[in-house]
């Protein structure tokens, strides 16, 4: 596989390789791997969310916000009781 990157990126990769005692190829492969893993996790999360919506495994926004507000209020009340 061959990729083209701007000269500034290539220069930084060279500096990083020298500073870490790793090859440019190793660092580039690690960067691509991390990017692919992160992007796949995002895509798979979106697909799971869409499947949940399709299957009806969702809660109305108002219900979630009401529960969150109740949790926050309870935490503030507990914190005020400790002060």
Protein backbone atom coordinates (compact mmCIF):
# COMPACT_ATOMS: atom_id res chain seq x y z
CA UNK A 1 0.00 0.00 0.00
CA UNK A 2 1.24 3.46 -0.82
CA UNK A 3 -0.16 6.68 0.56
CA UNK A 4 0.67 10.29 -0.13
CA UNK A 5 0.80 12.78 2.70
CA UNK A 6 1.72 16.46 2.74
CA UNK A 7 5.44 17.16 3.15
CA UNK A 8 4.83 18.65 6.60
CA UNK A 9 3.26 15.38 7.78
CA UNK A 10 6.09 13.37 6.26
CA UNK A 11 8.62 15.57 8.06
CA UNK A 12 6.82 15.16 11.38
CA UNK A 13 6.63 11.40 10.86
CA UNK A 14 10.40 11.35 10.31
CA UNK A 15 10.96 13.34 13.52
CA UNK A 16 8.64 11.02 15.43
CA UNK A 17 10.38 7.95 14.05
CA UNK A 18 13.75 9.30 15.08
CA UNK A 19 12.51 10.32 18.52
CA UNK A 20 10.86 6.98 19.24
CA UNK A 21 13.44 4.75 17.56
CA UNK A 22 10.68 3.26 15.38
CA UNK A 23 10.49 3.07 11.61
CA UNK A 24 8.30 5.44 9.63
CA UNK A 25 6.50 2.37 8.27
CA UNK A 26 5.76 1.06 11.77
CA UNK A 27 4.39 4.41 12.91
CA UNK A 28 2.31 4.88 9.76
CA UNK A 29 0.83 1.38 10.13
CA UNK A 30 0.01 2.07 13.79
CA UNK A 31 -1.66 5.35 12.85
CA UNK A 32 -3.75 3.74 10.10
CA UNK A 33 -4.71 0.88 12.41
CA UNK A 34 -5.83 3.27 15.17
CA UNK A 35 -7.83 5.34 12.67
CA UNK A 36 -9.54 2.28 11.18
CA UNK A 37 -10.43 0.89 14.62
CA UNK A 38 -11.86 4.24 15.76
CA UNK A 39 -13.87 4.83 12.60
CA UNK A 40 -15.24 1.26 12.58
CA UNK A 41 -16.33 1.65 16.21
CA UNK A 42 -18.20 4.83 15.27
CA UNK A 43 -19.87 3.22 12.25
CA UNK A 44 -20.80 0.10 14.21
CA UNK A 45 -22.21 2.25 17.03
CA UNK A 46 -24.36 4.15 14.57
CA UNK A 47 -25.57 0.90 12.99
CA UNK A 48 -26.41 -0.51 16.44
CA UNK A 49 -28.30 2.68 17.30
CA UNK A 50 -30.30 2.47 14.08
CA UNK A 51 -31.09 -1.19 14.79
CA UNK A 52 -32.25 -0.22 18.29
CA UNK A 53 -34.54 2.44 16.82
CA UNK A 54 -35.91 -0.03 14.28
CA UNK A 55 -36.58 -2.59 17.05
CA UNK A 56 -38.20 -0.01 19.31
CA UNK A 57 -35.45 -0.17 21.94
CA UNK A 58 -35.55 3.57 22.62
CA UNK A 59 -36.89 5.97 25.23
CA UNK A 60 -38.53 9.34 24.62
CA UNK A 61 -36.20 12.30 25.09
CA UNK A 62 -38.49 13.84 27.69
CA UNK A 63 -38.38 10.69 29.83
CA UNK A 64 -34.60 10.49 29.72
CA UNK A 65 -34.23 14.17 30.57
CA UNK A 66 -36.68 13.88 33.48
CA UNK A 67 -34.72 10.92 34.89
CA UNK A 68 -31.41 12.77 34.43
CA UNK A 69 -32.81 15.88 36.13
CA UNK A 70 -34.02 13.74 39.05
CA UNK A 71 -30.58 12.12 39.43
CA UNK A 72 -28.87 15.52 39.35
CA UNK A 73 -31.30 16.97 41.89
CA UNK A 74 -30.76 14.01 44.22
CA UNK A 75 -26.97 14.32 43.91
CA UNK A 76 -27.12 18.05 44.67
CA UNK A 77 -29.37 17.38 47.67
CA UNK A 78 -26.95 14.74 48.99
CA UNK A 79 -23.99 17.07 48.43
CA UNK A 80 -25.73 19.93 50.24
CA UNK A 81 -26.43 17.58 53.16
CA UNK A 82 -22.71 16.83 53.48
CA UNK A 83 -21.67 20.49 53.46
